[in-house]
Every structure is written in structure tokens, then in C-alpha cells.
PDB file of N, CA and C in Angstrom:
ATOM      1  N   MET A   1      32.909 150.094  98.568  1.00  0.00           N
ATOM      2  CA  MET A   1      33.821 149.337  97.735  1.00  0.00           C
ATOM      3  C   MET A   1      34.549 148.276  98.566  1.00  0.00           C
ATOM      4  N   LEU A   2      35.033 148.670  99.744  1.00  0.00           N
ATOM      5  CA  LEU A   2      35.736 147.745 100.623  1.00  0.00           C
ATOM      6  C   LEU A   2      34.794 146.653 101.110  1.00  0.00           C
ATOM      7  N   LEU A   3      33.564 147.039 101.396  1.00  0.00           N
ATOM      8  CA  LEU A   3      32.569 146.073 101.850  1.00  0.00           C
ATOM      9  C   LEU A   3      32.276 145.052 100.747  1.00  0.00           C
ATOM     10  N   LEU A   4      32.176 145.507  99.523  1.00  0.00           N
ATOM     11  CA  LEU A   4      31.925 144.610  98.393  1.00  0.00           C
ATOM     12  C   LEU A   4      33.081 143.632  98.213  1.00  0.00           C
ATOM     13  N   ALA A   5      34.301 144.092  98.387  1.00  0.00           N
ATOM     14  CA  ALA A   5      35.475 143.225  98.264  1.00  0.00           C
ATOM     15  C   ALA A   5      35.469 142.170  99.363  1.00  0.00           C
ATOM     16  N   LEU A   6      35.124 142.558 100.582  1.00  0.00           N
ATOM     17  CA  LEU A   6      35.061 141.604 101.685  1.00  0.00           C
ATOM     18  C   LEU A   6      33.982 140.551 101.451  1.00  0.00           C
ATOM     19  N   VAL A   7      32.835 140.959 100.923  1.00  0.00           N
ATOM     20  CA  VAL A   7      31.756 140.015 100.643  1.00  0.00           C
ATOM     21  C   VAL A   7      32.194 139.024  99.566  1.00  0.00           C
ATOM     22  N   MET A   8      32.881 139.497  98.536  1.00  0.00           N
ATOM     23  CA  MET A   8      33.338 138.612  97.459  1.00  0.00           C
ATOM     24  C   MET A   8      34.374 137.610  97.978  1.00  0.00           C
ATOM     25  N   ILE A   9      35.264 138.065  98.851  1.00  0.00           N
ATOM     26  CA  ILE A   9      36.267 137.165  99.423  1.00  0.00           C
ATOM     27  C   ILE A   9      35.589 136.111 100.290  1.00  0.00           C
ATOM     28  N   ALA A  10      34.627 136.534 101.106  1.00  0.00           N
ATOM     29  CA  ALA A  10      33.916 135.594 101.974  1.00  0.00           C
ATOM     30  C   ALA A  10      33.152 134.569 101.153  1.00  0.00           C
ATOM     31  N   CYS A  11      32.541 135.002 100.056  1.00  0.00           N
ATOM     32  CA  CYS A  11      31.795 134.069  99.204  1.00  0.00           C
ATOM     33  C   CYS A  11      32.727 133.083  98.527  1.00  0.00           C
ATOM     34  N   SER A  12      33.867 133.554  98.095  1.00  0.00           N
ATOM     35  CA  SER A  12      34.802 132.647  97.423  1.00  0.00           C
ATOM     36  C   SER A  12      35.371 131.630  98.404  1.00  0.00           C
ATOM     37  N   LEU A  13      35.607 132.013  99.653  1.00  0.00           N
ATOM     38  CA  LEU A  13      36.083 131.064 100.662  1.00  0.00           C
ATOM     39  C   LEU A  13      35.013 130.036 100.980  1.00  0.00           C
ATOM     40  N   GLY A  14      33.787 130.485 101.087  1.00  0.00           N
ATOM     41  CA  GLY A  14      32.687 129.581 101.389  1.00  0.00           C
ATOM     42  C   GLY A  14      32.420 128.608 100.255  1.00  0.00           C
ATOM     43  N   SER A  15      32.569 129.052  99.017  1.00  0.00           N
ATOM     44  CA  SER A  15      32.275 128.179  97.889  1.00  0.00           C
ATOM     45  C   SER A  15      33.332 127.096  97.732  1.00  0.00           C
ATOM     46  N   SER A  16      34.585 127.386  98.064  1.00  0.00           N
ATOM     47  CA  SER A  16      35.609 126.340  97.947  1.00  0.00           C
ATOM     48  C   SER A  16      35.413 125.278  99.006  1.00  0.00           C
ATOM     49  N   ALA A  17      34.994 125.678 100.195  1.00  0.00           N
ATOM     50  CA  ALA A  17      34.734 124.694 101.244  1.00  0.00           C
ATOM     51  C   ALA A  17      33.507 123.862 100.876  1.00  0.00           C
ATOM     52  N   GLY A  18      32.503 124.494 100.304  1.00  0.00           N
ATOM     53  CA  GLY A  18      31.312 123.764  99.866  1.00  0.00           C
ATOM     54  C   GLY A  18      31.633 122.791  98.764  1.00  0.00           C
ATOM     55  N   TRP A  19      32.512 123.155  97.866  1.00  0.00           N
ATOM     56  CA  TRP A  19      32.906 122.263  96.780  1.00  0.00           C
ATOM     57  C   TRP A  19      33.618 121.040  97.334  1.00  0.00           C
ATOM     58  N   ALA A  20      34.471 121.250  98.336  1.00  0.00           N
ATOM     59  CA  ALA A  20      35.205 120.133  98.936  1.00  0.00           C
ATOM     60  C   ALA A  20      34.232 119.175  99.622  1.00  0.00           C
ATOM     61  N   LYS A  21      33.204 119.705 100.248  1.00  0.00           N
ATOM     62  CA  LYS A  21      32.221 118.844 100.911  1.00  0.00           C
ATOM     63  C   LYS A  21      31.497 117.977  99.887  1.00  0.00           C
ATOM     64  N   HIS A  22      31.094 118.568  98.777  1.00  0.00           N
ATOM     65  CA  HIS A  22      30.368 117.809  97.761  1.00  0.00           C
ATOM     66  C   HIS A  22      31.272 116.797  97.074  1.00  0.00           C
ATOM     67  N   LYS A  23      32.502 117.127  96.903  1.00  0.00           N
ATOM     68  CA  LYS A  23      33.426 116.220  96.243  1.00  0.00           C
ATOM     69  C   LYS A  23      33.663 114.967  97.091  1.00  0.00           C
ATOM     70  N   SER A  24      33.746 115.105  98.412  1.00  0.00           N
ATOM     71  CA  SER A  24      34.007 113.955  99.264  1.00  0.00           C
ATOM     72  C   SER A  24      32.834 112.984  99.262  1.00  0.00           C
ATOM     73  N   HIS A  25      31.618 113.466  99.035  1.00  0.00           N
ATOM     74  CA  HIS A  25      30.459 112.581  99.034  1.00  0.00           C
ATOM     75  C   HIS A  25      30.245 111.913  97.685  1.00  0.00           C
ATOM     76  N   SER A  26      30.925 112.344  96.657  1.00  0.00           N
ATOM     77  CA  SER A  26      30.687 111.790  95.335  1.00  0.00           C
ATOM     78  C   SER A  26      31.402 110.467  95.111  1.00  0.00           C
ATOM     79  N   ASP A  27      32.244 110.031  96.057  1.00  0.00           N
ATOM     80  CA  ASP A  27      32.967 108.773  95.919  1.00  0.00           C
ATOM     81  C   ASP A  27      32.091 107.632  96.431  1.00  0.00           C
ATOM     82  N   VAL A  28      31.265 107.068  95.529  1.00  0.00           N
ATOM     83  CA  VAL A  28      30.353 106.001  95.922  1.00  0.00           C
ATOM     84  C   VAL A  28      30.951 104.626  95.698  1.00  0.00           C
ATOM     85  N   THR A  29      32.168 104.550  95.162  1.00  0.00           N
ATOM     86  CA  THR A  29      32.783 103.254  94.895  1.00  0.00           C
ATOM     87  C   THR A  29      33.324 102.605  96.154  1.00  0.00           C
ATOM     88  N   ALA A  30      33.517 103.374  97.223  1.00  0.00           N
ATOM     89  CA  ALA A  30      34.046 102.822  98.468  1.00  0.00           C
ATOM     90  C   ALA A  30      32.977 101.937  99.114  1.00  0.00           C
ATOM     91  N   ASP A  31      33.392 100.760  99.565  1.00  0.00           N
ATOM     92  CA  ASP A  31      32.483  99.808 100.192  1.00  0.00           C
ATOM     93  C   ASP A  31      32.311 100.184 101.662  1.00  0.00           C
ATOM     94  N   PRO A  32      31.100 100.570 102.085  1.00  0.00           N
ATOM     95  CA  PRO A  32      30.910 100.961 103.483  1.00  0.00           C
ATOM     96  C   PRO A  32      31.137  99.790 104.435  1.00  0.00           C
ATOM     97  N   CYS A  33      30.829  98.573 104.017  1.00  0.00           N
ATOM     98  CA  CYS A  33      31.027  97.409 104.888  1.00  0.00           C
ATOM     99  C   CYS A  33      32.513  97.193 105.177  1.00  0.00           C
ATOM    100  N   LYS A  34      33.343  97.439 104.192  1.00  0.00           N
ATOM    101  CA  LYS A  34      34.782  97.274 104.379  1.00  0.00           C
ATOM    102  C   LYS A  34      35.298  98.281 105.408  1.00  0.00           C
ATOM    103  N   LYS A  35      34.813  99.525 105.301  1.00  0.00           N
ATOM    104  CA  LYS A  35      35.210 100.559 106.252  1.00  0.00           C
ATOM    105  C   LYS A  35      34.743 100.207 107.663  1.00  0.00           C
ATOM    106  N   LEU A  36      33.498  99.768 107.788  1.00  0.00           N
ATOM    107  CA  LEU A  36      32.951  99.420 109.089  1.00  0.00           C
ATOM    108  C   LEU A  36      33.687  98.227 109.692  1.00  0.00           C
ATOM    109  N   ASN A  37      34.058  97.253 108.859  1.00  0.00           N
ATOM    110  CA  ASN A  37      34.839  96.120 109.358  1.00  0.00           C
ATOM    111  C   ASN A  37      36.200  96.573 109.859  1.00  0.00           C
ATOM    112  N   GLY A  38      36.788  97.549 109.195  1.00  0.00           N
ATOM    113  CA  GLY A  38      38.065  98.109 109.647  1.00  0.00           C
ATOM    114  C   GLY A  38      37.926  98.769 111.006  1.00  0.00           C
ATOM    115  N   TYR A  39      36.842  99.531 111.185  1.00  0.00           N
ATOM    116  CA  TYR A  39      36.588 100.159 112.484  1.00  0.00           C
ATOM    117  C   TYR A  39      36.391  99.104 113.564  1.00  0.00           C
ATOM    118  N   MET A  40      35.653  98.022 113.215  1.00  0.00           N
ATOM    119  CA  MET A  40      35.400  96.962 114.186  1.00  0.00           C
ATOM    120  C   MET A  40      36.699  96.261 114.571  1.00  0.00           C
ATOM    121  N   THR A  41      37.577  96.042 113.594  1.00  0.00           N
ATOM    122  CA  THR A  41      38.868  95.406 113.876  1.00  0.00           C
ATOM    123  C   THR A  41      39.668  96.249 114.858  1.00  0.00           C
ATOM    124  N   LYS A  42      39.638  97.563 114.694  1.00  0.00           N
ATOM    125  CA  LYS A  42      40.354  98.452 115.620  1.00  0.00           C
ATOM    126  C   LYS A  42      39.763  98.373 117.024  1.00  0.00           C
ATOM    127  N   ARG A  43      38.437  98.340 117.125  1.00  0.00           N
ATOM    128  CA  ARG A  43      37.790  98.258 118.436  1.00  0.00           C
ATOM    129  C   ARG A  43      38.167  96.949 119.141  1.00  0.00           C
ATOM    130  N   ILE A  44      38.135  95.842 118.400  1.00  0.00           N
ATOM    131  CA  ILE A  44      38.451  94.534 118.985  1.00  0.00           C
ATOM    132  C   ILE A  44      39.918  94.485 119.410  1.00  0.00           C
ATOM    133  N   ALA A  45      40.803  95.047 118.604  1.00  0.00           N
ATOM    134  CA  ALA A  45      42.222  95.085 118.971  1.00  0.00           C
ATOM    135  C   ALA A  45      42.426  95.917 120.233  1.00  0.00           C
ATOM    136  N   ASN A  46      41.687  97.005 120.366  1.00  0.00           N
ATOM    137  CA  ASN A  46      41.768  97.851 121.555  1.00  0.00           C
ATOM    138  C   ASN A  46      41.310  97.082 122.799  1.00  0.00           C
ATOM    139  N   ILE A  47      40.205  96.359 122.685  1.00  0.00           N
ATOM    140  CA  ILE A  47      39.702  95.570 123.818  1.00  0.00           C
ATOM    141  C   ILE A  47      40.712  94.499 124.201  1.00  0.00           C
ATOM    142  N   ARG A  48      41.296  93.828 123.203  1.00  0.00           N
ATOM    143  CA  ARG A  48      42.300  92.794 123.476  1.00  0.00           C
ATOM    144  C   ARG A  48      43.505  93.365 124.222  1.00  0.00           C
ATOM    145  N   SER A  49      43.993  94.504 123.762  1.00  0.00           N
ATOM    146  CA  SER A  49      45.179  95.082 124.405  1.00  0.00           C
ATOM    147  C   SER A  49      44.874  95.508 125.838  1.00  0.00           C
ATOM    148  N   LEU A  50      43.683  96.037 126.072  1.00  0.00           N
ATOM    149  CA  LEU A  50      43.304  96.410 127.437  1.00  0.00           C
ATOM    150  C   LEU A  50      43.174  95.173 128.324  1.00  0.00           C
ATOM    151  N   ASN A  51      42.602  94.091 127.782  1.00  0.00           N
ATOM    152  CA  ASN A  51      42.493  92.850 128.553  1.00  0.00           C
ATOM    153  C   ASN A  51      43.867  92.301 128.915  1.00  0.00           C
ATOM    154  N   LYS A  52      44.807  92.351 127.972  1.00  0.00           N
ATOM    155  CA  LYS A  52      46.167  91.874 128.245  1.00  0.00           C
ATOM    156  C   LYS A  52      46.836  92.725 129.317  1.00  0.00           C
ATOM    157  N   ALA A  53      46.636  94.034 129.240  1.00  0.00           N
ATOM    158  CA  ALA A  53      47.230  94.925 130.238  1.00  0.00           C
ATOM    159  C   ALA A  53      46.669  94.638 131.628  1.00  0.00           C
ATOM    160  N   ILE A  54      45.380  94.388 131.712  1.00  0.00           N
ATOM    161  CA  ILE A  54      44.764  94.076 133.006  1.00  0.00           C
ATOM    162  C   ILE A  54      45.277  92.746 133.536  1.00  0.00           C
ATOM    163  N   ASP A  55      45.388  91.748 132.665  1.00  0.00           N
ATOM    164  CA  ASP A  55      45.914  90.452 133.101  1.00  0.00           C
ATOM    165  C   ASP A  55      47.344  90.580 133.613  1.00  0.00           C
ATOM    166  N   LYS A  56      48.144  91.384 132.934  1.00  0.00           N
ATOM    167  CA  LYS A  56      49.538  91.587 133.342  1.00  0.00           C
ATOM    168  C   LYS A  56      49.600  92.296 134.699  1.00  0.00           C
ATOM    169  N   GLU A  57      48.746  93.299 134.892  1.00  0.00           N
ATOM    170  CA  GLU A  57      48.744  94.045 136.150  1.00  0.00           C
ATOM    171  C   GLU A  57      48.268  93.188 137.314  1.00  0.00           C
ATOM    172  N   GLN A  58      47.451  92.177 137.041  1.00  0.00           N
ATOM    173  CA  GLN A  58      46.998  91.311 138.128  1.00  0.00           C
ATOM    174  C   GLN A  58      48.140  90.431 138.621  1.00  0.00           C
ATOM    175  N   SER A  59      49.066  90.093 137.737  1.00  0.00           N
ATOM    176  CA  SER A  59      50.200  89.281 138.177  1.00  0.00           C
ATOM    177  C   SER A  59      51.339  90.152 138.706  1.00  0.00           C
ATOM    178  N   VAL A  60      51.543  91.316 138.117  1.00  0.00           N
ATOM    179  CA  VAL A  60      52.583  92.246 138.573  1.00  0.00           C
ATOM    180  C   VAL A  60      51.970  93.650 138.587  1.00  0.00           C
ATOM    181  N   PRO A  61      51.379  94.056 139.698  1.00  0.00           N
ATOM    182  CA  PRO A  61      50.721  95.360 139.771  1.00  0.00           C
ATOM    183  C   PRO A  61      51.713  96.515 139.582  1.00  0.00           C
ATOM    184  N   ASN A  62      51.207  97.602 139.051  1.00  0.00           N
ATOM    185  CA  ASN A  62      52.070  98.761 138.822  1.00  0.00           C
ATOM    186  C   ASN A  62      51.843  99.881 139.834  1.00  0.00           C
ATOM    187  N   THR A  63      51.056  99.598 140.879  1.00  0.00           N
ATOM    188  CA  THR A  63      50.847 100.592 141.931  1.00  0.00           C
ATOM    189  C   THR A  63      51.056  99.936 143.294  1.00  0.00           C
ATOM    190  N   MET A  64      51.283 100.760 144.299  1.00  0.00           N
ATOM    191  CA  MET A  64      51.467 100.238 145.653  1.00  0.00           C
ATOM    192  C   MET A  64      50.180  99.594 146.173  1.00  0.00           C
ATOM    193  N   ALA A  65      49.052 100.173 145.822  1.00  0.00           N
ATOM    194  CA  ALA A  65      47.776  99.580 146.235  1.00  0.00           C
ATOM    195  C   ALA A  65      47.635  98.188 145.641  1.00  0.00           C
ATOM    196  N   GLY A  66      48.063  98.040 144.397  1.00  0.00           N
ATOM    197  CA  GLY A  66      48.018  96.730 143.751  1.00  0.00           C
ATOM    198  C   GLY A  66      48.935  95.737 144.417  1.00  0.00           C
ATOM    199  N   VAL A  67      50.111  96.187 144.844  1.00  0.00           N
ATOM    200  CA  VAL A  67      51.062  95.313 145.530  1.00  0.00           C
ATOM    201  C   VAL A  67      50.481  94.855 146.866  1.00  0.00           C
ATOM    202  N   PHE A  68      49.884  95.790 147.625  1.00  0.00           N
ATOM    203  CA  PHE A  68      49.287  95.426 148.907  1.00  0.00           C
ATOM    204  C   PHE A  68      48.110  94.471 148.722  1.00  0.00           C
ATOM    205  N   ASN A  69      47.308  94.708 147.701  1.00  0.00           N
ATOM    206  CA  ASN A  69      46.195  93.796 147.425  1.00  0.00           C
ATOM    207  C   ASN A  69      46.716  92.411 147.078  1.00  0.00           C
ATOM    208  N   LEU A  70      47.766  92.347 146.276  1.00  0.00           N
ATOM    209  CA  LEU A  70      48.341  91.061 145.886  1.00  0.00           C
ATOM    210  C   LEU A  70      48.898  90.332 147.102  1.00  0.00           C
ATOM    211  N   MET A  71      49.526  91.065 148.017  1.00  0.00           N
ATOM    212  CA  MET A  71      50.084  90.458 149.228  1.00  0.00           C
ATOM    213  C   MET A  71      48.975  89.898 150.133  1.00  0.00           C
ATOM    214  N   GLN A  72      47.800  90.504 150.066  1.00  0.00           N
ATOM    215  CA  GLN A  72      46.674  90.053 150.877  1.00  0.00           C
ATOM    216  C   GLN A  72      45.834  88.994 150.163  1.00  0.00           C
ATOM    217  N   GLY A  73      46.251  88.608 148.961  1.00  0.00           N
ATOM    218  CA  GLY A  73      45.515  87.596 148.214  1.00  0.00           C
ATOM    219  C   GLY A  73      44.361  88.143 147.401  1.00  0.00           C
ATOM    220  N   LYS A  74      44.265  89.451 147.288  1.00  0.00           N
ATOM    221  CA  LYS A  74      43.195  90.071 146.515  1.00  0.00           C
ATOM    222  C   LYS A  74      43.688  90.361 145.107  1.00  0.00           C
ATOM    223  N   TYR A  75      42.762  90.438 144.188  1.00  0.00           N
ATOM    224  CA  TYR A  75      43.108  90.823 142.826  1.00  0.00           C
ATOM    225  C   TYR A  75      43.101  92.337 142.706  1.00  0.00           C
ATOM    226  N   TYR A  76      44.055  92.845 141.976  1.00  0.00           N
ATOM    227  CA  TYR A  76      44.119  94.281 141.717  1.00  0.00           C
ATOM    228  C   TYR A  76      43.244  94.582 140.514  1.00  0.00           C
ATOM    229  N   VAL A  77      42.392  95.565 140.634  1.00  0.00           N
ATOM    230  CA  VAL A  77      41.515  95.958 139.533  1.00  0.00           C
ATOM    231  C   VAL A  77      41.810  97.404 139.174  1.00  0.00           C
ATOM    232  N   ASP A  78      42.210  97.615 137.939  1.00  0.00           N
ATOM    233  CA  ASP A  78      42.434  98.973 137.448  1.00  0.00           C
ATOM    234  C   ASP A  78      41.091  99.482 136.916  1.00  0.00           C
ATOM    235  N   HIS A  79      40.450 100.326 137.681  1.00  0.00           N
ATOM    236  CA  HIS A  79      39.103 100.778 137.336  1.00  0.00           C
ATOM    237  C   HIS A  79      39.075 101.598 136.056  1.00  0.00           C
ATOM    238  N   ALA A  80      40.124 102.351 135.804  1.00  0.00           N
ATOM    239  CA  ALA A  80      40.166 103.166 134.578  1.00  0.00           C
ATOM    240  C   ALA A  80      40.186 102.268 133.343  1.00  0.00           C
ATOM    241  N   LYS A  81      41.008 101.220 133.389  1.00  0.00           N
ATOM    242  CA  LYS A  81      41.078 100.319 132.232  1.00  0.00           C
ATOM    243  C   LYS A  81      39.796  99.504 132.096  1.00  0.00           C
ATOM    244  N   THR A  82      39.208  99.133 133.213  1.00  0.00           N
ATOM    245  CA  THR A  82      37.950  98.400 133.168  1.00  0.00           C
ATOM    246  C   THR A  82      36.861  99.261 132.544  1.00  0.00           C
ATOM    247  N   GLU A  83      36.861 100.534 132.878  1.00  0.00           N
ATOM    248  CA  GLU A  83      35.889 101.454 132.284  1.00  0.00           C
ATOM    249  C   GLU A  83      36.147 101.625 130.783  1.00  0.00           C
ATOM    250  N   LYS A  84      37.413 101.691 130.379  1.00  0.00           N
ATOM    251  CA  LYS A  84      37.747 101.807 128.960  1.00  0.00           C
ATOM    252  C   LYS A  84      37.276 100.580 128.188  1.00  0.00           C
ATOM    253  N   ILE A  85      37.430  99.395 128.802  1.00  0.00           N
ATOM    254  CA  ILE A  85      36.963  98.177 128.150  1.00  0.00           C
ATOM    255  C   ILE A  85      35.442  98.235 127.967  1.00  0.00           C
ATOM    256  N   GLY A  86      34.742  98.698 128.985  1.00  0.00           N
ATOM    257  CA  GLY A  86      33.287  98.820 128.897  1.00  0.00           C
ATOM    258  C   GLY A  86      32.855  99.762 127.788  1.00  0.00           C
ATOM    259  N   ARG A  87      33.544 100.901 127.685  1.00  0.00           N
ATOM    260  CA  ARG A  87      33.219 101.856 126.624  1.00  0.00           C
ATOM    261  C   ARG A  87      33.537 101.293 125.247  1.00  0.00           C
ATOM    262  N   ALA A  88      34.690 100.618 125.124  1.00  0.00           N
ATOM    263  CA  ALA A  88      35.078 100.045 123.831  1.00  0.00           C
ATOM    264  C   ALA A  88      34.090  98.957 123.412  1.00  0.00           C
ATOM    265  N   ARG A  89      33.626  98.162 124.370  1.00  0.00           N
ATOM    266  CA  ARG A  89      32.653  97.112 124.054  1.00  0.00           C
ATOM    267  C   ARG A  89      31.326  97.717 123.627  1.00  0.00           C
ATOM    268  N   LYS A  90      30.906  98.795 124.298  1.00  0.00           N
ATOM    269  CA  LYS A  90      29.659  99.466 123.911  1.00  0.00           C
ATOM    270  C   LYS A  90      29.779 100.041 122.502  1.00  0.00           C
ATOM    271  N   GLU A  91      30.935 100.629 122.186  1.00  0.00           N
ATOM    272  CA  GLU A  91      31.154 101.161 120.840  1.00  0.00           C
ATOM    273  C   GLU A  91      31.104 100.042 119.810  1.00  0.00           C
ATOM    274  N   ALA A  92      31.700  98.888 120.141  1.00  0.00           N
ATOM    275  CA  ALA A  92      31.689  97.756 119.215  1.00  0.00           C
ATOM    276  C   ALA A  92      30.267  97.240 119.022  1.00  0.00           C
ATOM    277  N   ASP A  93      29.481  97.169 120.092  1.00  0.00           N
ATOM    278  CA  ASP A  93      28.088  96.737 119.976  1.00  0.00           C
ATOM    279  C   ASP A  93      27.284  97.714 119.121  1.00  0.00           C
ATOM    280  N   ASP A  94      27.501  99.012 119.343  1.00  0.00           N
ATOM    281  CA  ASP A  94      26.812 100.034 118.539  1.00  0.00           C
ATOM    282  C   ASP A  94      27.213  99.924 117.074  1.00  0.00           C
ATOM    283  N   LEU A  95      28.484  99.691 116.828  1.00  0.00           N
ATOM    284  CA  LEU A  95      28.966  99.547 115.458  1.00  0.00           C
ATOM    285  C   LEU A  95      28.337  98.321 114.798  1.00  0.00           C
ATOM    286  N   ASN A  96      28.155  97.254 115.562  1.00  0.00           N
ATOM    287  CA  ASN A  96      27.497  96.064 115.036  1.00  0.00           C
ATOM    288  C   ASN A  96      26.061  96.376 114.623  1.00  0.00           C
ATOM    289  N   ARG A  97      25.368  97.185 115.419  1.00  0.00           N
ATOM    290  CA  ARG A  97      24.002  97.570 115.065  1.00  0.00           C
ATOM    291  C   ARG A  97      23.988  98.394 113.780  1.00  0.00           C
ATOM    292  N   VAL A  98      24.953  99.277 113.627  1.00  0.00           N
ATOM    293  CA  VAL A  98      25.046 100.071 112.393  1.00  0.00           C
ATOM    294  C   VAL A  98      25.312  99.153 111.200  1.00  0.00           C
ATOM    295  N   MET A  99      26.186  98.171 111.398  1.00  0.00           N
ATOM    296  CA  MET A  99      26.499  97.248 110.310  1.00  0.00           C
ATOM    297  C   MET A  99      25.250  96.468 109.888  1.00  0.00           C
ATOM    298  N   ARG A 100      24.472  95.996 110.859  1.00  0.00           N
ATOM    299  CA  ARG A 100      23.227  95.291 110.533  1.00  0.00           C
ATOM    300  C   ARG A 100      22.283  96.206 109.772  1.00  0.00           C
ATOM    301  N   GLY A 101      22.178  97.451 110.214  1.00  0.00           N
ATOM    302  CA  GLY A 101      21.284  98.403 109.576  1.00  0.00           C
ATOM    303  C   GLY A 101      21.673  98.729 108.147  1.00  0.00           C
ATOM    304  N   MET A 102      22.969  98.654 107.849  1.00  0.00           N
ATOM    305  CA  MET A 102      23.439  98.960 106.495  1.00  0.00           C
ATOM    306  C   MET A 102      23.485  97.715 105.614  1.00  0.00           C
ATOM    307  N   GLY A 103      23.093  96.563 106.163  1.00  0.00           N
ATOM    308  CA  GLY A 103      23.079  95.342 105.369  1.00  0.00           C
ATOM    309  C   GLY A 103      24.414  94.617 105.362  1.00  0.00           C
ATOM    310  N   CYS A 104      25.327  94.999 106.220  1.00  0.00           N
ATOM    311  CA  CYS A 104      26.630  94.337 106.317  1.00  0.00           C
ATOM    312  C   CYS A 104      26.518  93.155 107.275  1.00  0.00           C
ATOM    313  N   THR A 105      27.448  92.226 107.145  1.00  0.00           N
ATOM    314  CA  THR A 105      27.475  91.083 108.042  1.00  0.00           C
ATOM    315  C   THR A 105      28.031  91.527 109.390  1.00  0.00           C
ATOM    316  N   PRO A 106      27.254  91.356 110.476  1.00  0.00           N
ATOM    317  CA  PRO A 106      27.753  91.759 111.788  1.00  0.00           C
ATOM    318  C   PRO A 106      28.855  90.818 112.267  1.00  0.00           C
ATOM    319  N   VAL A 107      29.655  91.304 113.201  1.00  0.00           N
ATOM    320  CA  VAL A 107      30.789  90.549 113.733  1.00  0.00           C
ATOM    321  C   VAL A 107      30.395  89.969 115.087  1.00  0.00           C
ATOM    322  N   ASP A 108      30.737  88.696 115.316  1.00  0.00           N
ATOM    323  CA  ASP A 108      30.535  88.090 116.628  1.00  0.00           C
ATOM    324  C   ASP A 108      31.709  88.521 117.501  1.00  0.00           C
ATOM    325  N   ILE A 109      31.489  89.535 118.317  1.00  0.00           N
ATOM    326  CA  ILE A 109      32.563  90.168 119.085  1.00  0.00           C
ATOM    327  C   ILE A 109      33.176  89.191 120.076  1.00  0.00           C
ATOM    328  N   ASP A 110      32.337  88.434 120.778  1.00  0.00           N
ATOM    329  CA  ASP A 110      32.846  87.484 121.774  1.00  0.00           C
ATOM    330  C   ASP A 110      33.732  86.437 121.123  1.00  0.00           C
ATOM    331  N   GLN A 111      33.324  85.949 119.973  1.00  0.00           N
ATOM    332  CA  GLN A 111      34.124  84.949 119.260  1.00  0.00           C
ATOM    333  C   GLN A 111      35.457  85.551 118.802  1.00  0.00           C
ATOM    334  N   GLU A 112      35.435  86.774 118.333  1.00  0.00           N
ATOM    335  CA  GLU A 112      36.664  87.431 117.886  1.00  0.00           C
ATOM    336  C   GLU A 112      37.622  87.660 119.056  1.00  0.00           C
ATOM    337  N   LEU A 113      37.065  87.965 120.226  1.00  0.00           N
ATOM    338  CA  LEU A 113      37.915  88.202 121.387  1.00  0.00           C
ATOM    339  C   LEU A 113      38.544  86.902 121.902  1.00  0.00           C
ATOM    340  N   GLN A 114      37.937  85.765 121.600  1.00  0.00           N
ATOM    341  CA  GLN A 114      38.492  84.483 122.024  1.00  0.00           C
ATOM    342  C   GLN A 114      39.678  84.047 121.169  1.00  0.00           C
ATOM    343  N   LYS A 115      39.756  84.586 119.960  1.00  0.00           N
ATOM    344  CA  LYS A 115      40.856  84.229 119.066  1.00  0.00           C
ATOM    345  C   LYS A 115      42.173  84.772 119.614  1.00  0.00           C
ATOM    346  N   PRO A 116      43.264  84.035 119.396  1.00  0.00           N
ATOM    347  CA  PRO A 116      44.559  84.523 119.893  1.00  0.00           C
ATOM    348  C   PRO A 116      45.092  85.694 119.094  1.00  0.00           C
TER     349      PRO A 116
END
């Protein structure tokens, strides 16, 4: 009897989660291109902010190594931020490929990054 009650509870929990999954996919009115453009806008904004942070650190470094490099006439390079920019750009390029595959208009990332 206890085993039967546990099975019924488990089935009822599983069916409500399954219903929620099916309900989320039934919304076909949402424009996928609009969503993808929103994601692309976030990626481009992220790249811009990282570029600004790197430019600022080159003029006023935030580490002692950066200060010593600046005193010697060298540019300070924040490798962590440079790596983040590389990853964000790769994500934006991948997103552009997805947009092309779905029939959406791809974004010219370089042109968008040139805008103020």
C-alpha cells in the first residue's frame, strides 16, 4: 500500500513537470530572430565594455606590474580580460552562424563594435 502511494506521488510529480515542458514549447508566436538579436546585443555590449576597461587600464593600470610596464614605456595587457574578449567574440560569431541558419539577418559584429 505504501509502495503504491509512493509510485502515485512520483507519477504526479513527473507529470506536472512534463506538462510545464510541453507548455513552454507551445508558444510559437515569439519571434526567434528578435530573441537572437537581443542575445547578440548583449554580447556586443559585453565586448565594448571589456574593450573600454582595457583601454582605461592601459592609461591608468590597476596593478603594480602595470605601473612598472607603463614606466618602462610598455603597454599593460590584462590577459584575463583579453581572453574574455576572445570568448565573447567567438560566442558572437557562433550566434551569427545560428542566426544565418534560422533565416535571420546576421549582424556585422565589427561594424557594430565601431559604433559609439
